[in-house]
Amino acid sequence: MKRMLKPTIISISMATVMAGAAISPALGLIAANFPEANPVMIKLILTAPSLFIIPFTFISSWLTSKIPKRTVALIGLFIYVVAGVGAQFTNTIEMLLAFRFILGAGVGLVMPLGITLISDHFAGREQVKMMGYNSAFSNFGGIITMMLAGYLAAISWRAPFNVYLMGVVIFIMVFLFLPKDTPHTQDKGIPRSKMPLMVFGYAAASAGIMLVYYSVATNMALYLEQSNIGGSALAGTVISFTTVGGMITSLTLIQLQDILKSYIMPISILLMGVAFTGLALSHSVPLILACTCIIGFGQGILFPIINVKALSLVNPLHSDRVIAIVSSSIFIGQFSSPLLLDGIASLAGFPTIRFQYSVIGIALGITLGITVLLIILFKVFRKPKVSAIEA
């Protein structure tokens, strides 16, 4: 039973990663089935879950102080399966969207638990390793889900919603193998501690990373068309290379941390900056594939390390609140990515994706400089002073 703890915890995150985009292969078929629907309503089918995920991550954090995390996970997974699969039985676009919103509520309840359960059951190097595995298998789950949804879309627009039946398997694993925990409660004799400002700093960093990372998914098809390189088929292949890069680093995260030590984050930012600059300049398909792989490589390091560092700032009692804050910021970055980048390009008068990627490259270069400076200052001020006698 103990051997199944790791795959059970990892499976929880695999469920959440496929929440929104899982049915994207069927979006055109859904639009054809609801010809009277506004195009914005069709797009909302993908983004609607995100609007409920953010508040329900905080509700999940509150619930875990009242009832066991295992119970919260089971409730969230039940909602996930019912809303995810049930959407295919609707006959109006409004009802379809309602089910998608409810799906977001289920995902929001479950999402923070994938990280906080790692914090609860593992420490030190094992915790970092599990964070890496968690990210890697989440990416793997995304690949499998998208492939399966694409195959099911050939049957009908309703069929891809059956991918959410994977939640049944995860529900059974949680029920059988996740130990029942005792809710963490604040001792009434101890004043409630404030959340460290650095937690919000890491949350902002997560939002920024997702903002630039998501620009690959949202812009790649248009980028290739503007450059006369390829169409949507090539775009799908290029985008998948970010997942390949993310899996590589996530599976080797502990080894990379041993080698790169405190510079693991700035080196990751450097790699992503170079890769986005490469996208801004390149017209070669192999080089574009390499750049997107490197972007995935960088984010595969940054997200797990940020989670570990943010959790290390607080008592385990507050780990759920920390992950709720960081997870919410990721969705804020995802939502704002096309709005902010398109806005900057429009204001600058260069409405091309290459310009957007060059802006990202410059921004990451500035971020790299600030990050290295902060690390150096931290080491200088943390260094113990040597007395005259010791000298």
Protein backbone atom coordinates (compact mmCIF):
# COMPACT_ATOMS: atom_id res chain seq x y z
CA MET A 1 0.00 0.00 0.00
CA LYS A 2 2.85 2.36 0.84
CA ARG A 3 4.41 1.67 -2.57
CA MET A 4 1.31 3.14 -4.20
CA LEU A 5 1.52 6.46 -2.33
CA LYS A 6 3.84 8.13 -4.85
CA PRO A 7 1.86 7.19 -8.00
CA THR A 8 -1.38 8.14 -6.23
CA ILE A 9 -0.15 11.64 -5.38
CA ILE A 10 1.29 12.10 -8.89
CA SER A 11 -1.99 10.95 -10.48
CA ILE A 12 -3.84 13.81 -8.76
CA SER A 13 -1.78 16.38 -10.67
CA MET A 14 -2.23 14.42 -13.91
CA ALA A 15 -5.99 14.95 -13.56
CA THR A 16 -5.71 18.72 -13.19
CA VAL A 17 -3.34 19.32 -16.12
CA MET A 18 -5.90 18.10 -18.65
CA ALA A 19 -8.79 20.16 -17.30
CA GLY A 20 -9.20 22.88 -19.91
CA ALA A 21 -7.38 21.98 -23.11
CA ALA A 22 -8.32 18.28 -23.14
CA ILE A 23 -11.25 18.83 -25.49
CA SER A 24 -9.50 21.39 -27.74
CA PRO A 25 -9.34 18.92 -30.69
CA ALA A 26 -13.16 18.93 -30.73
CA LEU A 27 -13.58 22.71 -30.59
CA GLY A 28 -14.25 23.04 -34.33
CA LEU A 29 -16.84 20.27 -34.19
CA ILE A 30 -18.53 21.91 -31.20
CA ALA A 31 -18.70 25.20 -33.10
CA ALA A 32 -20.29 23.41 -36.06
CA ASN A 33 -22.81 21.71 -33.78
CA PHE A 34 -23.82 25.07 -32.25
CA PRO A 35 -23.77 27.36 -35.31
CA GLU A 36 -25.89 30.00 -33.58
CA ALA A 37 -23.40 30.38 -30.72
CA ASN A 38 -21.19 33.45 -30.47
CA PRO A 39 -17.51 32.60 -31.26
CA VAL A 40 -16.56 33.99 -27.85
CA MET A 41 -18.88 31.43 -26.23
CA ILE A 42 -17.09 28.66 -28.14
CA LYS A 43 -13.68 29.86 -26.91
CA LEU A 44 -15.04 30.00 -23.36
CA ILE A 45 -15.48 26.22 -23.47
CA LEU A 46 -11.69 25.98 -23.11
CA THR A 47 -11.15 28.88 -20.70
CA ALA A 48 -14.29 28.62 -18.53
CA PRO A 49 -12.78 26.12 -16.05
CA SER A 50 -9.98 28.60 -15.23
CA LEU A 51 -12.48 31.16 -13.91
CA PHE A 52 -13.64 28.75 -11.21
CA ILE A 53 -10.28 27.10 -10.55
CA ILE A 54 -8.82 30.26 -8.97
CA PRO A 55 -11.44 30.80 -6.19
CA PHE A 56 -11.81 27.08 -5.53
CA THR A 57 -8.08 26.66 -4.87
CA PHE A 58 -8.59 28.94 -1.85
CA ILE A 59 -11.75 27.07 -0.87
CA SER A 60 -9.68 23.87 -1.00
CA SER A 61 -7.10 25.48 1.30
CA TRP A 62 -9.86 26.39 3.78
CA LEU A 63 -11.47 22.94 3.61
CA THR A 64 -8.21 21.14 4.40
CA SER A 65 -8.20 22.89 7.79
CA LYS A 66 -11.62 21.40 8.53
CA ILE A 67 -11.64 17.94 6.91
CA PRO A 68 -8.94 15.48 5.73
CA LYS A 69 -7.19 16.20 2.43
CA ARG A 70 -8.19 12.73 1.27
CA THR A 71 -11.85 13.72 1.63
CA VAL A 72 -11.32 17.01 -0.22
CA ALA A 73 -9.57 15.11 -3.04
CA LEU A 74 -12.43 12.60 -3.32
CA ILE A 75 -15.05 15.39 -3.41
CA GLY A 76 -13.07 17.30 -6.05
CA LEU A 77 -12.53 14.20 -8.20
CA PHE A 78 -16.24 13.28 -8.01
CA ILE A 79 -17.18 16.77 -9.27
CA TYR A 80 -14.42 16.50 -11.89
CA VAL A 81 -15.77 13.24 -13.36
CA VAL A 82 -19.46 14.19 -13.25
CA ALA A 83 -18.94 17.65 -14.79
CA GLY A 84 -16.25 16.56 -17.26
CA VAL A 85 -18.10 13.55 -18.67
CA GLY A 86 -21.58 15.02 -18.20
CA ALA A 87 -20.91 17.92 -20.57
CA GLN A 88 -21.33 15.63 -23.58
CA PHE A 89 -25.00 15.04 -22.74
CA THR A 90 -25.99 18.72 -23.03
CA ASN A 91 -27.95 20.12 -25.96
CA THR A 92 -27.36 23.85 -25.49
CA ILE A 93 -24.18 25.91 -25.40
CA GLU A 94 -25.28 27.47 -22.10
CA MET A 95 -25.60 24.08 -20.39
CA LEU A 96 -22.28 22.99 -21.85
CA LEU A 97 -20.60 26.07 -20.37
CA ALA A 98 -22.31 25.45 -17.02
CA PHE A 99 -20.76 21.98 -16.86
CA ARG A 100 -17.35 23.46 -17.77
CA PHE A 101 -17.62 25.97 -14.92
CA ILE A 102 -18.47 23.15 -12.50
CA LEU A 103 -15.47 21.21 -13.83
CA GLY A 104 -13.31 24.17 -12.82
CA ALA A 105 -14.68 23.94 -9.27
CA GLY A 106 -13.63 20.28 -9.06
CA VAL A 107 -10.18 21.01 -10.46
CA GLY A 108 -9.74 23.93 -8.05
CA LEU A 109 -10.44 21.66 -5.08
CA VAL A 110 -7.95 19.03 -6.26
CA MET A 111 -5.15 21.14 -7.78
CA PRO A 112 -3.35 22.37 -4.60
CA LEU A 113 -3.40 18.88 -3.08
CA GLY A 114 -1.01 17.42 -5.67
CA ILE A 115 1.73 19.72 -4.32
CA THR A 116 0.82 19.91 -0.61
CA LEU A 117 0.60 16.13 -0.28
CA ILE A 118 4.20 15.96 -1.51
CA SER A 119 5.12 18.50 1.16
CA ASP A 120 3.27 16.45 3.80
CA HIS A 121 4.83 13.07 2.99
CA PHE A 122 8.32 13.92 1.69
CA ALA A 123 11.21 16.18 2.72
CA GLY A 124 14.62 17.30 1.49
CA ARG A 125 15.97 15.72 -1.70
CA GLU A 126 13.04 13.32 -1.89
CA GLN A 127 10.63 16.25 -1.93
CA VAL A 128 12.50 17.95 -4.79
CA LYS A 129 12.59 14.64 -6.69
CA MET A 130 8.84 14.17 -6.20
CA MET A 131 8.15 17.73 -7.38
CA GLY A 132 10.08 16.90 -10.55
CA TYR A 133 8.24 13.63 -11.09
CA ASN A 134 4.96 15.40 -10.43
CA SER A 135 5.67 17.93 -13.18
CA ALA A 136 7.00 15.29 -15.59
CA PHE A 137 4.03 12.95 -15.31
CA SER A 138 1.63 15.90 -15.51
CA ASN A 139 3.17 16.71 -18.89
CA PHE A 140 2.96 13.06 -19.87
CA GLY A 141 -0.71 13.00 -18.87
CA GLY A 142 -1.30 16.05 -21.04
CA ILE A 143 0.26 14.34 -24.07
CA ILE A 144 -1.78 11.14 -23.64
CA THR A 145 -4.99 13.09 -23.05
CA MET A 146 -4.58 15.27 -26.13
CA MET A 147 -3.81 12.25 -28.32
CA LEU A 148 -6.83 10.37 -26.97
CA ALA A 149 -9.11 13.40 -27.33
CA GLY A 150 -7.96 13.83 -30.94
CA TYR A 151 -8.81 10.22 -31.70
CA LEU A 152 -12.24 10.49 -30.01
CA ALA A 153 -12.98 13.73 -31.91
CA ALA A 154 -13.07 11.65 -35.09
CA ILE A 155 -16.16 9.92 -33.67
CA SER A 156 -18.19 12.97 -32.64
CA TRP A 157 -17.95 16.28 -30.78
CA ARG A 158 -19.31 14.56 -27.66
CA ALA A 159 -16.78 11.69 -27.50
CA PRO A 160 -13.68 13.68 -26.32
CA PHE A 161 -15.44 14.49 -23.03
CA ASN A 162 -14.98 10.82 -22.12
CA VAL A 163 -11.29 11.50 -21.42
CA TYR A 164 -12.45 12.73 -18.02
CA LEU A 165 -13.31 9.12 -17.16
CA MET A 166 -9.61 8.88 -16.25
CA GLY A 167 -10.74 10.65 -13.10
CA VAL A 168 -12.53 7.46 -12.03
CA VAL A 169 -9.23 5.57 -11.93
CA ILE A 170 -7.62 8.38 -9.92
CA PHE A 171 -10.63 8.47 -7.55
CA ILE A 172 -10.20 4.73 -6.86
CA MET A 173 -6.44 5.16 -6.29
CA VAL A 174 -7.02 8.00 -3.80
CA PHE A 175 -9.75 6.02 -2.02
CA LEU A 176 -7.57 2.90 -1.69
CA PHE A 177 -4.03 4.20 -1.25
CA LEU A 178 -4.04 7.77 0.11
CA PRO A 179 -3.90 7.62 3.93
CA LYS A 180 -6.55 9.51 5.87
CA ASP A 181 -4.88 12.55 7.39
CA THR A 182 -5.81 14.78 10.29
CA PRO A 183 -6.66 18.39 9.35
CA HIS A 184 -4.00 20.90 10.42
CA THR A 185 -5.49 23.46 12.77
CA GLN A 186 -4.04 26.64 14.19
CA ASP A 187 -3.44 26.52 17.95
CA LYS A 188 -5.75 29.15 19.43
CA GLY A 189 -3.02 30.17 21.87
CA ILE A 190 -0.68 31.06 19.00
CA PRO A 191 -1.38 34.25 17.00
CA ARG A 192 -2.07 33.70 13.29
CA SER A 193 1.16 34.32 11.39
CA LYS A 194 1.29 36.53 8.32
CA MET A 195 2.14 35.09 4.95
CA PRO A 196 5.78 35.99 4.09
CA LEU A 197 6.11 38.56 1.31
CA MET A 198 8.48 36.22 -0.52
CA VAL A 199 5.57 33.82 -1.08
CA PHE A 200 3.83 36.53 -3.12
CA GLY A 201 7.14 37.15 -4.89
CA TYR A 202 7.31 33.51 -5.94
CA ALA A 203 3.64 33.67 -6.95
CA ALA A 204 4.39 36.69 -9.17
CA ALA A 205 7.34 34.79 -10.65
CA SER A 206 5.05 31.85 -11.45
CA ALA A 207 2.60 34.17 -13.17
CA GLY A 208 5.40 35.71 -15.23
CA ILE A 209 6.81 32.32 -16.26
CA MET A 210 3.38 31.07 -17.31
CA LEU A 211 2.72 34.34 -19.17
CA VAL A 212 5.77 33.86 -21.40
CA TYR A 213 5.53 30.05 -21.57
CA TYR A 214 1.88 30.11 -22.69
CA SER A 215 2.78 32.43 -25.56
CA VAL A 216 4.10 29.36 -27.39
CA ALA A 217 0.73 27.58 -27.27
CA THR A 218 -1.35 30.66 -28.13
CA ASN A 219 0.90 32.14 -30.84
CA MET A 220 2.78 29.30 -32.54
CA ALA A 221 0.27 28.63 -35.35
CA LEU A 222 0.12 32.33 -36.25
CA TYR A 223 3.91 32.66 -35.88
CA LEU A 224 4.48 29.87 -38.42
CA GLU A 225 1.89 31.29 -40.84
CA GLN A 226 3.32 34.83 -40.63
CA SER A 227 6.77 33.40 -41.34
CA ASN A 228 5.53 31.20 -44.23
CA ILE A 229 7.04 28.18 -42.47
CA GLY A 230 4.01 25.94 -41.90
CA GLY A 231 0.43 25.61 -40.69
CA SER A 232 -1.54 24.14 -37.82
CA ALA A 233 -0.17 20.60 -38.27
CA LEU A 234 3.42 21.78 -37.79
CA ALA A 235 2.28 24.08 -34.95
CA GLY A 236 0.97 21.07 -33.02
CA THR A 237 4.32 19.30 -33.38
CA VAL A 238 6.27 22.40 -32.34
CA ILE A 239 4.11 22.99 -29.27
CA SER A 240 4.50 19.36 -28.20
CA PHE A 241 8.27 19.89 -27.99
CA THR A 242 7.77 22.19 -24.97
CA THR A 243 6.29 19.18 -23.19
CA VAL A 244 9.24 17.02 -24.22
CA GLY A 245 11.67 19.56 -22.77
CA GLY A 246 9.63 19.85 -19.58
CA MET A 247 9.59 16.08 -19.07
CA ILE A 248 13.38 15.82 -19.50
CA THR A 249 14.16 18.39 -16.82
CA SER A 250 11.43 17.27 -14.46
CA LEU A 251 12.75 13.71 -14.42
CA THR A 252 16.34 14.89 -13.80
CA LEU A 253 15.53 17.81 -11.48
CA ILE A 254 17.39 16.55 -8.42
CA GLN A 255 20.58 15.92 -10.45
CA LEU A 256 20.34 19.37 -12.05
CA GLN A 257 19.92 20.98 -8.64
CA ASP A 258 23.04 19.17 -7.37
CA ILE A 259 25.06 20.48 -10.32
CA LEU A 260 23.70 24.04 -10.65
CA LYS A 261 22.96 24.66 -6.93
CA SER A 262 21.71 28.21 -6.21
CA TYR A 263 22.10 29.23 -9.87
CA ILE A 264 19.55 26.71 -11.15
CA MET A 265 16.84 29.38 -11.50
CA PRO A 266 18.93 32.06 -13.28
CA ILE A 267 20.37 29.46 -15.67
CA SER A 268 16.81 28.33 -16.48
CA ILE A 269 15.79 31.95 -17.14
CA LEU A 270 18.88 32.39 -19.34
CA LEU A 271 17.99 29.31 -21.41
CA MET A 272 14.41 30.49 -21.89
CA GLY A 273 15.59 33.99 -22.86
CA VAL A 274 18.01 32.59 -25.46
CA ALA A 275 15.27 30.29 -26.80
CA PHE A 276 12.72 33.10 -27.23
CA THR A 277 15.37 35.24 -28.92
CA GLY A 278 16.02 32.29 -31.23
CA LEU A 279 12.31 32.15 -32.11
CA ALA A 280 12.36 35.87 -32.87
CA LEU A 281 15.23 35.44 -35.34
CA SER A 282 14.96 31.91 -36.77
CA HIS A 283 13.32 30.65 -39.96
CA SER A 284 14.62 27.10 -39.58
CA VAL A 285 12.18 24.40 -38.44
CA PRO A 286 14.85 22.31 -36.61
CA LEU A 287 16.03 25.43 -34.74
CA ILE A 288 12.45 26.37 -33.87
CA LEU A 289 11.88 22.86 -32.50
CA ALA A 290 15.08 23.15 -30.46
CA CYS A 291 14.02 26.54 -29.07
CA THR A 292 10.58 25.33 -27.98
CA CYS A 293 12.18 22.27 -26.38
CA ILE A 294 14.53 24.56 -24.41
CA ILE A 295 11.57 26.71 -23.31
CA GLY A 296 9.91 23.57 -21.96
CA PHE A 297 13.24 22.60 -20.40
CA GLY A 298 13.36 25.90 -18.50
CA GLN A 299 9.79 25.85 -17.20
CA GLY A 300 10.23 22.19 -16.18
CA ILE A 301 12.86 23.42 -13.71
CA LEU A 302 11.29 26.69 -12.61
CA PHE A 303 7.79 25.63 -11.55
CA PRO A 304 8.85 22.74 -9.24
CA ILE A 305 11.71 24.76 -7.71
CA ILE A 306 9.40 27.72 -7.04
CA ASN A 307 6.94 25.42 -5.27
CA VAL A 308 9.70 23.95 -3.10
CA LYS A 309 11.12 27.37 -2.21
CA ALA A 310 7.69 28.87 -1.44
CA LEU A 311 6.77 25.92 0.80
CA SER A 312 10.08 26.19 2.65
CA LEU A 313 9.13 29.70 3.84
CA VAL A 314 6.18 28.61 5.98
CA ASN A 315 5.10 26.11 8.60
CA PRO A 316 3.47 23.00 7.03
CA LEU A 317 0.27 24.27 8.65
CA HIS A 318 0.11 26.94 5.94
CA SER A 319 1.29 24.87 2.95
CA ASP A 320 -2.22 24.71 1.45
CA ARG A 321 -2.54 28.50 1.48
CA VAL A 322 0.88 28.88 -0.15
CA ILE A 323 0.05 26.50 -3.00
CA ALA A 324 -3.37 28.12 -3.45
CA ILE A 325 -1.65 31.50 -3.92
CA VAL A 326 1.01 30.14 -6.31
CA SER A 327 -1.43 27.99 -8.32
CA SER A 328 -3.87 30.89 -8.74
CA SER A 329 -1.10 33.14 -9.99
CA ILE A 330 -0.25 30.57 -12.69
CA PHE A 331 -3.78 30.79 -14.09
CA ILE A 332 -3.67 34.59 -13.92
CA GLY A 333 -0.50 34.47 -16.03
CA GLN A 334 -2.11 32.05 -18.46
CA PHE A 335 -5.22 34.19 -18.85
CA SER A 336 -3.30 37.46 -19.26
CA SER A 337 -0.65 36.13 -21.68
CA PRO A 338 -2.38 36.91 -25.01
CA LEU A 339 -3.94 40.12 -23.66
CA LEU A 340 -0.69 41.62 -22.39
CA LEU A 341 1.57 40.51 -25.25
CA ASP A 342 -0.91 41.53 -27.96
CA GLY A 343 -1.38 44.85 -26.17
CA ILE A 344 2.37 45.56 -26.08
CA ALA A 345 2.74 44.67 -29.77
CA SER A 346 -0.22 46.86 -30.71
CA LEU A 347 1.06 49.85 -28.72
CA ALA A 348 4.53 49.47 -30.26
CA GLY A 349 3.06 49.28 -33.76
CA PHE A 350 4.64 45.88 -34.51
CA PRO A 351 1.73 43.39 -34.53
CA THR A 352 3.85 40.32 -35.29
CA ILE A 353 4.54 37.28 -33.12
CA ARG A 354 8.27 37.63 -33.80
CA PHE A 355 8.19 41.05 -32.14
CA GLN A 356 6.37 39.55 -29.14
CA TYR A 357 9.02 36.84 -28.81
CA SER A 358 11.79 39.44 -29.02
CA VAL A 359 10.11 41.42 -26.22
CA ILE A 360 9.95 38.25 -24.12
CA GLY A 361 13.63 37.58 -24.80
CA ILE A 362 14.58 41.10 -23.63
CA ALA A 363 12.31 40.86 -20.58
CA LEU A 364 13.87 37.54 -19.57
CA GLY A 365 17.32 39.07 -20.00
CA ILE A 366 16.41 41.89 -17.59
CA THR A 367 14.87 39.34 -15.19
CA LEU A 368 18.08 37.30 -15.34
CA GLY A 369 20.16 40.33 -14.36
CA ILE A 370 17.90 41.14 -11.41
CA THR A 371 17.84 37.50 -10.24
CA VAL A 372 21.65 37.16 -10.32
CA LEU A 373 22.04 40.47 -8.46
CA LEU A 374 19.61 39.34 -5.75
CA ILE A 375 21.46 36.04 -5.33
CA ILE A 376 24.80 37.83 -4.99
CA LEU A 377 23.40 40.35 -2.48
CA PHE A 378 21.79 37.56 -0.48
CA LYS A 379 25.10 35.68 -0.28
CA VAL A 380 27.04 38.81 0.69
CA PHE A 381 24.70 39.83 3.49
CA ARG A 382 24.23 36.28 4.69
CA LYS A 383 27.98 35.63 4.89
CA PRO A 384 29.07 35.53 8.57
CA LYS A 385 31.39 38.30 9.63
CA VAL A 386 34.90 37.28 10.69
CA SER A 387 36.17 38.91 13.86
CA ALA A 388 39.64 40.40 14.17
CA ILE A 389 40.71 37.57 16.51
CA GLU A 390 39.51 34.91 14.03
CA ALA A 391 41.32 36.72 11.25
